[in-house]
Amino acid sequence: MKLSHETVTIELKNGTQVHGTITGVDVAMNTHLKAVKMTMKNREPVQLDSLSIRGNNIRYYLLPDSLPLETLLIDDTPKAKAKKKEAVPADKCEYFHFDEGNFNKDPLLSLWEKGLFLSM
């Protein structure tokens, strides 16, 4: 996680400001902080050892000016390679059709003869 151990200020949608050190952020933007100072609107600041904020309550993050954003924004995660699908020979395939309440296994030719297999 690229912003772990960075000290940030987070403004919440209700106007509360939270200042602390990030310990973790998940895919839903839920943010976990330590050494927190939370200032609610029109109230005195509160010191907390740790705090978790649900992602949908966050309005924005204020990041420190010292962060090298150019390098942090580069996506350096390895790309997953797509697996090639192997073709299965027709003689190895099994085909099924519904016949009077029962599933019956038939070869392709039998399905074609019965008119159950349509070509495009």
PDB file of N, CA and C in Angstrom:
ATOM      1  N   MET A   1       0.853  -1.163   0.000  1.00  0.00           N
ATOM      2  CA  MET A   1       0.000   0.000   0.000  1.00  0.00           C
ATOM      3  C   MET A   1       0.903   1.231   0.000  1.00  0.00           C
ATOM      4  N   LYS A   2       0.689   2.096  -0.938  1.00  0.00           N
ATOM      5  CA  LYS A   2       1.622   3.191  -1.165  1.00  0.00           C
ATOM      6  C   LYS A   2       1.524   4.315  -0.140  1.00  0.00           C
ATOM      7  N   LEU A   3       0.372   4.509   0.480  1.00  0.00           N
ATOM      8  CA  LEU A   3       0.230   5.614   1.431  1.00  0.00           C
ATOM      9  C   LEU A   3       0.274   5.168   2.889  1.00  0.00           C
ATOM     10  N   SER A   4       0.619   3.913   3.134  1.00  0.00           N
ATOM     11  CA  SER A   4       0.742   3.469   4.523  1.00  0.00           C
ATOM     12  C   SER A   4       1.823   4.277   5.224  1.00  0.00           C
ATOM     13  N   HIS A   5       1.593   4.598   6.463  1.00  0.00           N
ATOM     14  CA  HIS A   5       2.517   5.344   7.321  1.00  0.00           C
ATOM     15  C   HIS A   5       2.655   6.808   6.918  1.00  0.00           C
ATOM     16  N   GLU A   6       1.763   7.318   6.078  1.00  0.00           N
ATOM     17  CA  GLU A   6       1.751   8.746   5.740  1.00  0.00           C
ATOM     18  C   GLU A   6       0.742   9.451   6.643  1.00  0.00           C
ATOM     19  N   THR A   7       1.079  10.648   7.059  1.00  0.00           N
ATOM     20  CA  THR A   7       0.176  11.448   7.881  1.00  0.00           C
ATOM     21  C   THR A   7      -0.670  12.318   6.960  1.00  0.00           C
ATOM     22  N   VAL A   8      -1.986  12.194   7.088  1.00  0.00           N
ATOM     23  CA  VAL A   8      -2.920  12.895   6.206  1.00  0.00           C
ATOM     24  C   VAL A   8      -4.017  13.554   7.037  1.00  0.00           C
ATOM     25  N   THR A   9      -4.733  14.458   6.386  1.00  0.00           N
ATOM     26  CA  THR A   9      -5.953  15.024   6.959  1.00  0.00           C
ATOM     27  C   THR A   9      -7.101  14.604   6.059  1.00  0.00           C
ATOM     28  N   ILE A  10      -8.165  14.109   6.660  1.00  0.00           N
ATOM     29  CA  ILE A  10      -9.333  13.646   5.910  1.00  0.00           C
ATOM     30  C   ILE A  10     -10.518  14.500   6.326  1.00  0.00           C
ATOM     31  N   GLU A  11     -11.223  15.044   5.344  1.00  0.00           N
ATOM     32  CA  GLU A  11     -12.465  15.750   5.665  1.00  0.00           C
ATOM     33  C   GLU A  11     -13.625  14.826   5.346  1.00  0.00           C
ATOM     34  N   LEU A  12     -14.528  14.701   6.302  1.00  0.00           N
ATOM     35  CA  LEU A  12     -15.701  13.847   6.134  1.00  0.00           C
ATOM     36  C   LEU A  12     -16.862  14.664   5.589  1.00  0.00           C
ATOM     37  N   LYS A  13     -17.866  13.975   5.089  1.00  0.00           N
ATOM     38  CA  LYS A  13     -19.034  14.642   4.504  1.00  0.00           C
ATOM     39  C   LYS A  13     -19.808  15.475   5.522  1.00  0.00           C
ATOM     40  N   ASN A  14     -19.699  15.139   6.804  1.00  0.00           N
ATOM     41  CA  ASN A  14     -20.407  15.911   7.835  1.00  0.00           C
ATOM     42  C   ASN A  14     -19.582  17.096   8.340  1.00  0.00           C
ATOM     43  N   GLY A  15     -18.421  17.359   7.724  1.00  0.00           N
ATOM     44  CA  GLY A  15     -17.599  18.499   8.098  1.00  0.00           C
ATOM     45  C   GLY A  15     -16.512  18.191   9.108  1.00  0.00           C
ATOM     46  N   THR A  16     -16.497  17.003   9.669  1.00  0.00           N
ATOM     47  CA  THR A  16     -15.468  16.607  10.628  1.00  0.00           C
ATOM     48  C   THR A  16     -14.124  16.488   9.918  1.00  0.00           C
ATOM     49  N   GLN A  17     -13.053  16.946  10.582  1.00  0.00           N
ATOM     50  CA  GLN A  17     -11.708  16.776  10.050  1.00  0.00           C
ATOM     51  C   GLN A  17     -10.958  15.788  10.925  1.00  0.00           C
ATOM     52  N   VAL A  18     -10.275  14.848  10.269  1.00  0.00           N
ATOM     53  CA  VAL A  18      -9.531  13.814  10.968  1.00  0.00           C
ATOM     54  C   VAL A  18      -8.084  13.902  10.502  1.00  0.00           C
ATOM     55  N   HIS A  19      -7.159  14.018  11.453  1.00  0.00           N
ATOM     56  CA  HIS A  19      -5.736  14.094  11.144  1.00  0.00           C
ATOM     57  C   HIS A  19      -5.068  12.894  11.802  1.00  0.00           C
ATOM     58  N   GLY A  20      -4.364  12.070  11.011  1.00  0.00           N
ATOM     59  CA  GLY A  20      -3.718  10.895  11.573  1.00  0.00           C
ATOM     60  C   GLY A  20      -2.823  10.209  10.567  1.00  0.00           C
ATOM     61  N   THR A  21      -2.226   9.112  11.000  1.00  0.00           N
ATOM     62  CA  THR A  21      -1.304   8.344  10.169  1.00  0.00           C
ATOM     63  C   THR A  21      -2.024   7.114   9.634  1.00  0.00           C
ATOM     64  N   ILE A  22      -1.991   6.933   8.319  1.00  0.00           N
ATOM     65  CA  ILE A  22      -2.689   5.816   7.676  1.00  0.00           C
ATOM     66  C   ILE A  22      -2.001   4.502   8.021  1.00  0.00           C
ATOM     67  N   THR A  23      -2.801   3.538   8.482  1.00  0.00           N
ATOM     68  CA  THR A  23      -2.296   2.178   8.692  1.00  0.00           C
ATOM     69  C   THR A  23      -2.820   1.236   7.623  1.00  0.00           C
ATOM     70  N   GLY A  24      -3.909   1.621   6.952  1.00  0.00           N
ATOM     71  CA  GLY A  24      -4.436   0.777   5.888  1.00  0.00           C
ATOM     72  C   GLY A  24      -5.648   1.391   5.222  1.00  0.00           C
ATOM     73  N   VAL A  25      -5.812   1.048   3.942  1.00  0.00           N
ATOM     74  CA  VAL A  25      -6.978   1.470   3.156  1.00  0.00           C
ATOM     75  C   VAL A  25      -7.397   0.266   2.328  1.00  0.00           C
ATOM     76  N   ASP A  26      -8.705  -0.039   2.290  1.00  0.00           N
ATOM     77  CA  ASP A  26      -9.151  -1.182   1.488  1.00  0.00           C
ATOM     78  C   ASP A  26      -9.815  -0.711   0.196  1.00  0.00           C
ATOM     79  N   VAL A  27     -10.322  -1.656  -0.594  1.00  0.00           N
ATOM     80  CA  VAL A  27     -10.875  -1.334  -1.913  1.00  0.00           C
ATOM     81  C   VAL A  27     -12.139  -0.488  -1.831  1.00  0.00           C
ATOM     82  N   ALA A  28     -12.828  -0.490  -0.700  1.00  0.00           N
ATOM     83  CA  ALA A  28     -14.022   0.342  -0.528  1.00  0.00           C
ATOM     84  C   ALA A  28     -13.654   1.711   0.043  1.00  0.00           C
ATOM     85  N   MET A  29     -12.370   2.031   0.094  1.00  0.00           N
ATOM     86  CA  MET A  29     -11.829   3.283   0.615  1.00  0.00           C
ATOM     87  C   MET A  29     -12.013   3.412   2.127  1.00  0.00           C
ATOM     88  N   ASN A  30     -12.367   2.320   2.811  1.00  0.00           N
ATOM     89  CA  ASN A  30     -12.384   2.336   4.272  1.00  0.00           C
ATOM     90  C   ASN A  30     -10.953   2.599   4.719  1.00  0.00           C
ATOM     91  N   THR A  31     -10.771   3.574   5.600  1.00  0.00           N
ATOM     92  CA  THR A  31      -9.431   4.017   5.970  1.00  0.00           C
ATOM     93  C   THR A  31      -9.211   3.804   7.457  1.00  0.00           C
ATOM     94  N   HIS A  32      -8.055   3.234   7.791  1.00  0.00           N
ATOM     95  CA  HIS A  32      -7.692   2.948   9.175  1.00  0.00           C
ATOM     96  C   HIS A  32      -6.501   3.836   9.534  1.00  0.00           C
ATOM     97  N   LEU A  33      -6.611   4.531  10.666  1.00  0.00           N
ATOM     98  CA  LEU A  33      -5.599   5.502  11.075  1.00  0.00           C
ATOM     99  C   LEU A  33      -5.126   5.221  12.492  1.00  0.00           C
ATOM    100  N   LYS A  34      -3.917   5.718  12.813  1.00  0.00           N
ATOM    101  CA  LYS A  34      -3.413   5.680  14.187  1.00  0.00           C
ATOM    102  C   LYS A  34      -2.977   7.091  14.571  1.00  0.00           C
ATOM    103  N   ALA A  35      -2.801   7.352  15.850  1.00  0.00           N
ATOM    104  CA  ALA A  35      -2.408   8.668  16.375  1.00  0.00           C
ATOM    105  C   ALA A  35      -3.296   9.754  15.782  1.00  0.00           C
ATOM    106  N   VAL A  36      -4.583   9.668  16.090  1.00  0.00           N
ATOM    107  CA  VAL A  36      -5.606  10.481  15.432  1.00  0.00           C
ATOM    108  C   VAL A  36      -6.000  11.690  16.274  1.00  0.00           C
ATOM    109  N   LYS A  37      -6.195  12.808  15.572  1.00  0.00           N
ATOM    110  CA  LYS A  37      -6.806  14.001  16.171  1.00  0.00           C
ATOM    111  C   LYS A  37      -8.051  14.286  15.349  1.00  0.00           C
ATOM    112  N   MET A  38      -9.222  14.162  15.977  1.00  0.00           N
ATOM    113  CA  MET A  38     -10.489  14.343  15.278  1.00  0.00           C
ATOM    114  C   MET A  38     -11.148  15.634  15.760  1.00  0.00           C
ATOM    115  N   THR A  39     -11.470  16.505  14.797  1.00  0.00           N
ATOM    116  CA  THR A  39     -12.116  17.774  15.126  1.00  0.00           C
ATOM    117  C   THR A  39     -13.486  17.809  14.474  1.00  0.00           C
ATOM    118  N   MET A  40     -14.528  17.698  15.298  1.00  0.00           N
ATOM    119  CA  MET A  40     -15.893  17.793  14.794  1.00  0.00           C
ATOM    120  C   MET A  40     -16.293  19.257  14.733  1.00  0.00           C
ATOM    121  N   LYS A  41     -17.252  19.579  13.874  1.00  0.00           N
ATOM    122  CA  LYS A  41     -17.701  20.963  13.718  1.00  0.00           C
ATOM    123  C   LYS A  41     -18.154  21.536  15.057  1.00  0.00           C
ATOM    124  N   ASN A  42     -17.644  22.744  15.362  1.00  0.00           N
ATOM    125  CA  ASN A  42     -18.028  23.493  16.567  1.00  0.00           C
ATOM    126  C   ASN A  42     -17.759  22.737  17.868  1.00  0.00           C
ATOM    127  N   ARG A  43     -16.717  21.887  17.892  1.00  0.00           N
ATOM    128  CA  ARG A  43     -16.358  21.149  19.108  1.00  0.00           C
ATOM    129  C   ARG A  43     -14.844  21.175  19.291  1.00  0.00           C
ATOM    130  N   GLU A  44     -14.416  20.787  20.459  1.00  0.00           N
ATOM    131  CA  GLU A  44     -12.989  20.692  20.756  1.00  0.00           C
ATOM    132  C   GLU A  44     -12.410  19.427  20.110  1.00  0.00           C
ATOM    133  N   PRO A  45     -11.144  19.460  19.703  1.00  0.00           N
ATOM    134  CA  PRO A  45     -10.512  18.264  19.121  1.00  0.00           C
ATOM    135  C   PRO A  45     -10.429  17.117  20.132  1.00  0.00           C
ATOM    136  N   VAL A  46     -10.497  15.905  19.615  1.00  0.00           N
ATOM    137  CA  VAL A  46     -10.423  14.694  20.438  1.00  0.00           C
ATOM    138  C   VAL A  46      -9.223  13.880  19.961  1.00  0.00           C
ATOM    139  N   GLN A  47      -8.401  13.409  20.898  1.00  0.00           N
ATOM    140  CA  GLN A  47      -7.250  12.565  20.575  1.00  0.00           C
ATOM    141  C   GLN A  47      -7.668  11.093  20.693  1.00  0.00           C
ATOM    142  N   LEU A  48      -7.308  10.292  19.685  1.00  0.00           N
ATOM    143  CA  LEU A  48      -7.626   8.862  19.681  1.00  0.00           C
ATOM    144  C   LEU A  48      -6.381   8.072  19.292  1.00  0.00           C
ATOM    145  N   ASP A  49      -6.260   6.859  19.843  1.00  0.00           N
ATOM    146  CA  ASP A  49      -5.142   5.991  19.457  1.00  0.00           C
ATOM    147  C   ASP A  49      -5.313   5.483  18.036  1.00  0.00           C
ATOM    148  N   SER A  50      -6.536   5.088  17.699  1.00  0.00           N
ATOM    149  CA  SER A  50      -6.805   4.581  16.346  1.00  0.00           C
ATOM    150  C   SER A  50      -8.248   4.895  15.971  1.00  0.00           C
ATOM    151  N   LEU A  51      -8.496   4.885  14.662  1.00  0.00           N
ATOM    152  CA  LEU A  51      -9.834   5.191  14.156  1.00  0.00           C
ATOM    153  C   LEU A  51      -9.988   4.549  12.787  1.00  0.00           C
ATOM    154  N   SER A  52     -11.164   4.000  12.523  1.00  0.00           N
ATOM    155  CA  SER A  52     -11.503   3.488  11.196  1.00  0.00           C
ATOM    156  C   SER A  52     -12.650   4.316  10.648  1.00  0.00           C
ATOM    157  N   ILE A  53     -12.520   4.726   9.382  1.00  0.00           N
ATOM    158  CA  ILE A  53     -13.532   5.557   8.733  1.00  0.00           C
ATOM    159  C   ILE A  53     -14.100   4.786   7.556  1.00  0.00           C
ATOM    160  N   ARG A  54     -15.409   4.696   7.494  1.00  0.00           N
ATOM    161  CA  ARG A  54     -16.053   4.045   6.353  1.00  0.00           C
ATOM    162  C   ARG A  54     -15.863   4.916   5.109  1.00  0.00           C
ATOM    163  N   GLY A  55     -15.504   4.273   4.005  1.00  0.00           N
ATOM    164  CA  GLY A  55     -15.132   4.986   2.791  1.00  0.00           C
ATOM    165  C   GLY A  55     -16.169   5.941   2.248  1.00  0.00           C
ATOM    166  N   ASN A  56     -17.453   5.593   2.337  1.00  0.00           N
ATOM    167  CA  ASN A  56     -18.475   6.467   1.750  1.00  0.00           C
ATOM    168  C   ASN A  56     -18.713   7.734   2.573  1.00  0.00           C
ATOM    169  N   ASN A  57     -18.101   7.846   3.758  1.00  0.00           N
ATOM    170  CA  ASN A  57     -18.220   9.062   4.570  1.00  0.00           C
ATOM    171  C   ASN A  57     -17.125  10.083   4.273  1.00  0.00           C
ATOM    172  N   ILE A  58     -16.157   9.714   3.443  1.00  0.00           N
ATOM    173  CA  ILE A  58     -15.011  10.586   3.172  1.00  0.00           C
ATOM    174  C   ILE A  58     -15.339  11.547   2.038  1.00  0.00           C
ATOM    175  N   ARG A  59     -15.129  12.841   2.278  1.00  0.00           N
ATOM    176  CA  ARG A  59     -15.283  13.851   1.224  1.00  0.00           C
ATOM    177  C   ARG A  59     -13.984  13.944   0.429  1.00  0.00           C
ATOM    178  N   TYR A  60     -12.840  14.115   1.122  1.00  0.00           N
ATOM    179  CA  TYR A  60     -11.548  14.145   0.433  1.00  0.00           C
ATOM    180  C   TYR A  60     -10.408  13.947   1.430  1.00  0.00           C
ATOM    181  N   TYR A  61      -9.231  13.628   0.862  1.00  0.00           N
ATOM    182  CA  TYR A  61      -7.991  13.494   1.612  1.00  0.00           C
ATOM    183  C   TYR A  61      -7.125  14.715   1.319  1.00  0.00           C
ATOM    184  N   LEU A  62      -6.479  15.249   2.325  1.00  0.00           N
ATOM    185  CA  LEU A  62      -5.444  16.267   2.134  1.00  0.00           C
ATOM    186  C   LEU A  62      -4.106  15.562   2.334  1.00  0.00           C
ATOM    187  N   LEU A  63      -3.332  15.460   1.260  1.00  0.00           N
ATOM    188  CA  LEU A  63      -2.054  14.758   1.311  1.00  0.00           C
ATOM    189  C   LEU A  63      -0.935  15.750   1.595  1.00  0.00           C
ATOM    190  N   PRO A  64       0.157  15.293   2.215  1.00  0.00           N
ATOM    191  CA  PRO A  64       1.278  16.196   2.462  1.00  0.00           C
ATOM    192  C   PRO A  64       1.933  16.634   1.148  1.00  0.00           C
ATOM    193  N   ASP A  65       2.436  17.881   1.121  1.00  0.00           N
ATOM    194  CA  ASP A  65       3.088  18.408  -0.081  1.00  0.00           C
ATOM    195  C   ASP A  65       4.354  17.638  -0.431  1.00  0.00           C
ATOM    196  N   SER A  66       4.953  16.990   0.542  1.00  0.00           N
ATOM    197  CA  SER A  66       6.215  16.281   0.311  1.00  0.00           C
ATOM    198  C   SER A  66       6.041  14.953  -0.438  1.00  0.00           C
ATOM    199  N   LEU A  67       4.803  14.520  -0.675  1.00  0.00           N
ATOM    200  CA  LEU A  67       4.581  13.245  -1.372  1.00  0.00           C
ATOM    201  C   LEU A  67       4.951  13.364  -2.849  1.00  0.00           C
ATOM    202  N   PRO A  68       5.747  12.435  -3.373  1.00  0.00           N
ATOM    203  CA  PRO A  68       6.079  12.445  -4.804  1.00  0.00           C
ATOM    204  C   PRO A  68       4.956  11.783  -5.614  1.00  0.00           C
ATOM    205  N   LEU A  69       3.915  12.529  -5.924  1.00  0.00           N
ATOM    206  CA  LEU A  69       2.739  11.965  -6.590  1.00  0.00           C
ATOM    207  C   LEU A  69       3.063  11.374  -7.956  1.00  0.00           C
ATOM    208  N   GLU A  70       4.049  11.935  -8.656  1.00  0.00           N
ATOM    209  CA  GLU A  70       4.391  11.423  -9.987  1.00  0.00           C
ATOM    210  C   GLU A  70       4.785   9.952  -9.914  1.00  0.00           C
ATOM    211  N   THR A  71       5.549   9.580  -8.903  1.00  0.00           N
ATOM    212  CA  THR A  71       5.971   8.181  -8.787  1.00  0.00           C
ATOM    213  C   THR A  71       4.899   7.316  -8.131  1.00  0.00           C
ATOM    214  N   LEU A  72       4.115   7.877  -7.224  1.00  0.00           N
ATOM    215  CA  LEU A  72       3.082   7.087  -6.548  1.00  0.00           C
ATOM    216  C   LEU A  72       1.926   6.716  -7.469  1.00  0.00           C
ATOM    217  N   LEU A  73       1.657   7.546  -8.473  1.00  0.00           N
ATOM    218  CA  LEU A  73       0.512   7.296  -9.350  1.00  0.00           C
ATOM    219  C   LEU A  73       0.820   6.314 -10.473  1.00  0.00           C
ATOM    220  N   ILE A  74       2.060   5.889 -10.605  1.00  0.00           N
ATOM    221  CA  ILE A  74       2.407   4.903 -11.630  1.00  0.00           C
ATOM    222  C   ILE A  74       1.920   3.538 -11.166  1.00  0.00           C
ATOM    223  N   ASP A  75       1.197   2.845 -12.050  1.00  0.00           N
ATOM    224  CA  ASP A  75       0.680   1.511 -11.730  1.00  0.00           C
ATOM    225  C   ASP A  75       1.776   0.492 -12.006  1.00  0.00           C
ATOM    226  N   ASP A  76       2.398  -0.012 -10.934  1.00  0.00           N
ATOM    227  CA  ASP A  76       3.492  -0.961 -11.103  1.00  0.00           C
ATOM    228  C   ASP A  76       3.096  -2.388 -10.732  1.00  0.00           C
ATOM    229  N   THR A  77       1.797  -2.650 -10.636  1.00  0.00           N
ATOM    230  CA  THR A  77       1.350  -4.009 -10.336  1.00  0.00           C
ATOM    231  C   THR A  77       1.491  -4.872 -11.578  1.00  0.00           C
ATOM    232  N   PRO A  78       1.924  -6.110 -11.415  1.00  0.00           N
ATOM    233  CA  PRO A  78       2.088  -6.976 -12.588  1.00  0.00           C
ATOM    234  C   PRO A  78       0.744  -7.288 -13.235  1.00  0.00           C
ATOM    235  N   LYS A  79       0.738  -7.318 -14.550  1.00  0.00           N
ATOM    236  CA  LYS A  79      -0.476  -7.616 -15.309  1.00  0.00           C
ATOM    237  C   LYS A  79      -0.699  -9.128 -15.334  1.00  0.00           C
ATOM    238  N   ALA A  80      -1.937  -9.530 -15.142  1.00  0.00           N
ATOM    239  CA  ALA A  80      -2.286 -10.948 -15.217  1.00  0.00           C
ATOM    240  C   ALA A  80      -2.396 -11.347 -16.680  1.00  0.00           C
ATOM    241  N   LYS A  81      -1.755 -12.448 -17.019  1.00  0.00           N
ATOM    242  CA  LYS A  81      -1.809 -12.919 -18.404  1.00  0.00           C
ATOM    243  C   LYS A  81      -3.082 -13.722 -18.617  1.00  0.00           C
ATOM    244  N   ALA A  82      -3.725 -13.474 -19.751  1.00  0.00           N
ATOM    245  CA  ALA A  82      -4.949 -14.208 -20.086  1.00  0.00           C
ATOM    246  C   ALA A  82      -4.575 -15.627 -20.494  1.00  0.00           C
ATOM    247  N   LYS A  83      -5.322 -16.578 -19.975  1.00  0.00           N
ATOM    248  CA  LYS A  83      -5.073 -17.972 -20.332  1.00  0.00           C
ATOM    249  C   LYS A  83      -5.675 -18.261 -21.694  1.00  0.00           C
ATOM    250  N   LYS A  84      -4.931 -19.005 -22.498  1.00  0.00           N
ATOM    251  CA  LYS A  84      -5.446 -19.402 -23.805  1.00  0.00           C
ATOM    252  C   LYS A  84      -6.378 -20.591 -23.616  1.00  0.00           C
ATOM    253  N   LYS A  85      -7.516 -20.530 -24.271  1.00  0.00           N
ATOM    254  CA  LYS A  85      -8.457 -21.641 -24.206  1.00  0.00           C
ATOM    255  C   LYS A  85      -8.098 -22.630 -25.306  1.00  0.00           C
ATOM    256  N   GLU A  86      -8.023 -23.881 -24.914  1.00  0.00           N
ATOM    257  CA  GLU A  86      -7.701 -24.915 -25.886  1.00  0.00           C
ATOM    258  C   GLU A  86      -8.990 -25.458 -26.491  1.00  0.00           C
ATOM    259  N   ALA A  87      -8.947 -25.666 -27.800  1.00  0.00           N
ATOM    260  CA  ALA A  87     -10.110 -26.226 -28.489  1.00  0.00           C
ATOM    261  C   ALA A  87     -10.225 -27.709 -28.148  1.00  0.00           C
ATOM    262  N   VAL A  88     -11.440 -28.158 -27.939  1.00  0.00           N
ATOM    263  CA  VAL A  88     -11.699 -29.567 -27.663  1.00  0.00           C
ATOM    264  C   VAL A  88     -12.165 -30.207 -28.959  1.00  0.00           C
ATOM    265  N   PRO A  89     -11.518 -31.303 -29.381  1.00  0.00           N
ATOM    266  CA  PRO A  89     -11.946 -31.964 -30.621  1.00  0.00           C
ATOM    267  C   PRO A  89     -13.403 -32.414 -30.531  1.00  0.00           C
ATOM    268  N   ALA A  90     -14.100 -32.364 -31.667  1.00  0.00           N
ATOM    269  CA  ALA A  90     -15.526 -32.694 -31.698  1.00  0.00           C
ATOM    270  C   ALA A  90     -15.800 -34.114 -31.224  1.00  0.00           C
ATOM    271  N   ASP A  91     -14.872 -35.032 -31.492  1.00  0.00           N
ATOM    272  CA  ASP A  91     -15.116 -36.416 -31.081  1.00  0.00           C
ATOM    273  C   ASP A  91     -14.963 -36.604 -29.568  1.00  0.00           C
ATOM    274  N   LYS A  92     -14.428 -35.607 -28.866  1.00  0.00           N
ATOM    275  CA  LYS A  92     -14.279 -35.683 -27.410  1.00  0.00           C
ATOM    276  C   LYS A  92     -15.427 -34.990 -26.673  1.00  0.00           C
ATOM    277  N   CYS A  93     -16.287 -34.286 -27.395  1.00  0.00           N
ATOM    278  CA  CYS A  93     -17.394 -33.553 -26.787  1.00  0.00           C
ATOM    279  C   CYS A  93     -18.589 -34.466 -26.569  1.00  0.00           C
ATOM    280  N   GLU A  94     -19.363 -34.150 -25.562  1.00  0.00           N
ATOM    281  CA  GLU A  94     -20.611 -34.857 -25.330  1.00  0.00           C
ATOM    282  C   GLU A  94     -21.747 -33.862 -25.476  1.00  0.00           C
ATOM    283  N   TYR A  95     -22.814 -34.268 -26.094  1.00  0.00           N
ATOM    284  CA  TYR A  95     -23.958 -33.402 -26.319  1.00  0.00           C
ATOM    285  C   TYR A  95     -25.174 -34.027 -25.664  1.00  0.00           C
ATOM    286  N   PHE A  96     -26.056 -33.193 -25.167  1.00  0.00           N
ATOM    287  CA  PHE A  96     -27.245 -33.672 -24.480  1.00  0.00           C
ATOM    288  C   PHE A  96     -28.481 -33.064 -25.116  1.00  0.00           C
ATOM    289  N   HIS A  97     -29.577 -33.799 -25.095  1.00  0.00           N
ATOM    290  CA  HIS A  97     -30.861 -33.231 -25.489  1.00  0.00           C
ATOM    291  C   HIS A  97     -31.925 -33.752 -24.530  1.00  0.00           C
ATOM    292  N   PHE A  98     -33.005 -33.027 -24.474  1.00  0.00           N
ATOM    293  CA  PHE A  98     -34.091 -33.347 -23.567  1.00  0.00           C
ATOM    294  C   PHE A  98     -35.126 -34.155 -24.335  1.00  0.00           C
ATOM    295  N   ASP A  99     -35.407 -35.375 -23.868  1.00  0.00           N
ATOM    296  CA  ASP A  99     -36.322 -36.258 -24.584  1.00  0.00           C
ATOM    297  C   ASP A  99     -37.310 -36.855 -23.587  1.00  0.00           C
ATOM    298  N   GLU A 100     -38.550 -36.392 -23.626  1.00  0.00           N
ATOM    299  CA  GLU A 100     -39.630 -36.911 -22.791  1.00  0.00           C
ATOM    300  C   GLU A 100     -39.246 -36.976 -21.310  1.00  0.00           C
ATOM    301  N   GLY A 101     -38.695 -35.864 -20.794  1.00  0.00           N
ATOM    302  CA  GLY A 101     -38.387 -35.803 -19.371  1.00  0.00           C
ATOM    303  C   GLY A 101     -37.047 -36.378 -18.979  1.00  0.00           C
ATOM    304  N   ASN A 102     -36.277 -36.904 -19.922  1.00  0.00           N
ATOM    305  CA  ASN A 102     -34.973 -37.486 -19.603  1.00  0.00           C
ATOM    306  C   ASN A 102     -33.881 -36.813 -20.424  1.00  0.00           C
ATOM    307  N   PHE A 103     -32.707 -36.684 -19.822  1.00  0.00           N
ATOM    308  CA  PHE A 103     -31.553 -36.210 -20.571  1.00  0.00           C
ATOM    309  C   PHE A 103     -30.871 -37.421 -21.177  1.00  0.00           C
ATOM    310  N   ASN A 104     -30.672 -37.386 -22.488  1.00  0.00           N
ATOM    311  CA  ASN A 104     -30.005 -38.486 -23.181  1.00  0.00           C
ATOM    312  C   ASN A 104     -28.736 -37.978 -23.835  1.00  0.00           C
ATOM    313  N   LYS A 105     -27.669 -38.759 -23.732  1.00  0.00           N
ATOM    314  CA  LYS A 105     -26.411 -38.400 -24.347  1.00  0.00           C
ATOM    315  C   LYS A 105     -26.396 -38.954 -25.769  1.00  0.00           C
ATOM    316  N   ASP A 106     -26.157 -38.063 -26.747  1.00  0.00           N
ATOM    317  CA  ASP A 106     -26.107 -38.471 -28.145  1.00  0.00           C
ATOM    318  C   ASP A 106     -24.874 -37.887 -28.803  1.00  0.00           C
ATOM    319  N   PRO A 107     -24.306 -38.564 -29.770  1.00  0.00           N
ATOM    320  CA  PRO A 107     -23.233 -37.954 -30.549  1.00  0.00           C
ATOM    321  C   PRO A 107     -23.799 -36.840 -31.419  1.00  0.00           C
ATOM    322  N   LEU A 108     -22.930 -35.970 -31.892  1.00  0.00           N
ATOM    323  CA  LEU A 108     -23.334 -34.813 -32.680  1.00  0.00           C
ATOM    324  C   LEU A 108     -24.138 -35.214 -33.908  1.00  0.00           C
ATOM    325  N   LEU A 109     -23.749 -36.241 -34.590  1.00  0.00           N
ATOM    326  CA  LEU A 109     -24.449 -36.650 -35.807  1.00  0.00           C
ATOM    327  C   LEU A 109     -25.894 -37.027 -35.502  1.00  0.00           C
ATOM    328  N   SER A 110     -26.100 -37.710 -34.405  1.00  0.00           N
ATOM    329  CA  SER A 110     -27.453 -38.101 -34.034  1.00  0.00           C
ATOM    330  C   SER A 110     -28.317 -36.870 -33.758  1.00  0.00           C
ATOM    331  N   LEU A 111     -27.749 -35.863 -33.093  1.00  0.00           N
ATOM    332  CA  LEU A 111     -28.484 -34.625 -32.845  1.00  0.00           C
ATOM    333  C   LEU A 111     -28.830 -33.923 -34.154  1.00  0.00           C
ATOM    334  N   TRP A 112     -27.872 -33.905 -35.074  1.00  0.00           N
ATOM    335  CA  TRP A 112     -28.096 -33.253 -36.368  1.00  0.00           C
ATOM    336  C   TRP A 112     -29.234 -33.951 -37.118  1.00  0.00           C
ATOM    337  N   GLU A 113     -29.225 -35.268 -37.111  1.00  0.00           N
ATOM    338  CA  GLU A 113     -30.259 -36.032 -37.814  1.00  0.00           C
ATOM    339  C   GLU A 113     -31.636 -35.798 -37.202  1.00  0.00           C
ATOM    340  N   LYS A 114     -31.702 -35.631 -35.902  1.00  0.00           N
ATOM    341  CA  LYS A 114     -32.984 -35.418 -35.237  1.00  0.00           C
ATOM    342  C   LYS A 114     -33.451 -33.968 -35.331  1.00  0.00           C
ATOM    343  N   GLY A 115     -32.606 -33.087 -35.879  1.00  0.00           N
ATOM    344  CA  GLY A 115     -32.981 -31.684 -36.026  1.00  0.00           C
ATOM    345  C   GLY A 115     -32.863 -30.887 -34.744  1.00  0.00           C
ATOM    346  N   LEU A 116     -32.147 -31.428 -33.760  1.00  0.00           N
ATOM    347  CA  LEU A 116     -31.997 -30.731 -32.486  1.00  0.00           C
ATOM    348  C   LEU A 116     -30.787 -29.806 -32.468  1.00  0.00           C
ATOM    349  N   PHE A 117     -29.920 -29.940 -33.440  1.00  0.00           N
ATOM    350  CA  PHE A 117     -28.727 -29.111 -33.523  1.00  0.00           C
ATOM    351  C   PHE A 117     -28.864 -28.234 -34.749  1.00  0.00           C
ATOM    352  N   LEU A 118     -28.939 -26.922 -34.555  1.00  0.00           N
ATOM    353  CA  LEU A 118     -29.170 -25.999 -35.661  1.00  0.00           C
ATOM    354  C   LEU A 118     -27.883 -25.296 -36.034  1.00  0.00           C
ATOM    355  N   SER A 119     -27.685 -25.072 -37.317  1.00  0.00           N
ATOM    356  CA  SER A 119     -26.522 -24.306 -37.769  1.00  0.00           C
ATOM    357  C   SER A 119     -26.941 -22.859 -37.947  1.00  0.00           C
ATOM    358  N   MET A 120     -25.978 -21.974 -37.894  1.00  0.00           N
ATOM    359  CA  MET A 120     -26.252 -20.542 -38.048  1.00  0.00           C
ATOM    360  C   MET A 120     -26.109 -20.132 -39.495  1.00  0.00           C
TER     361      MET A 120
END
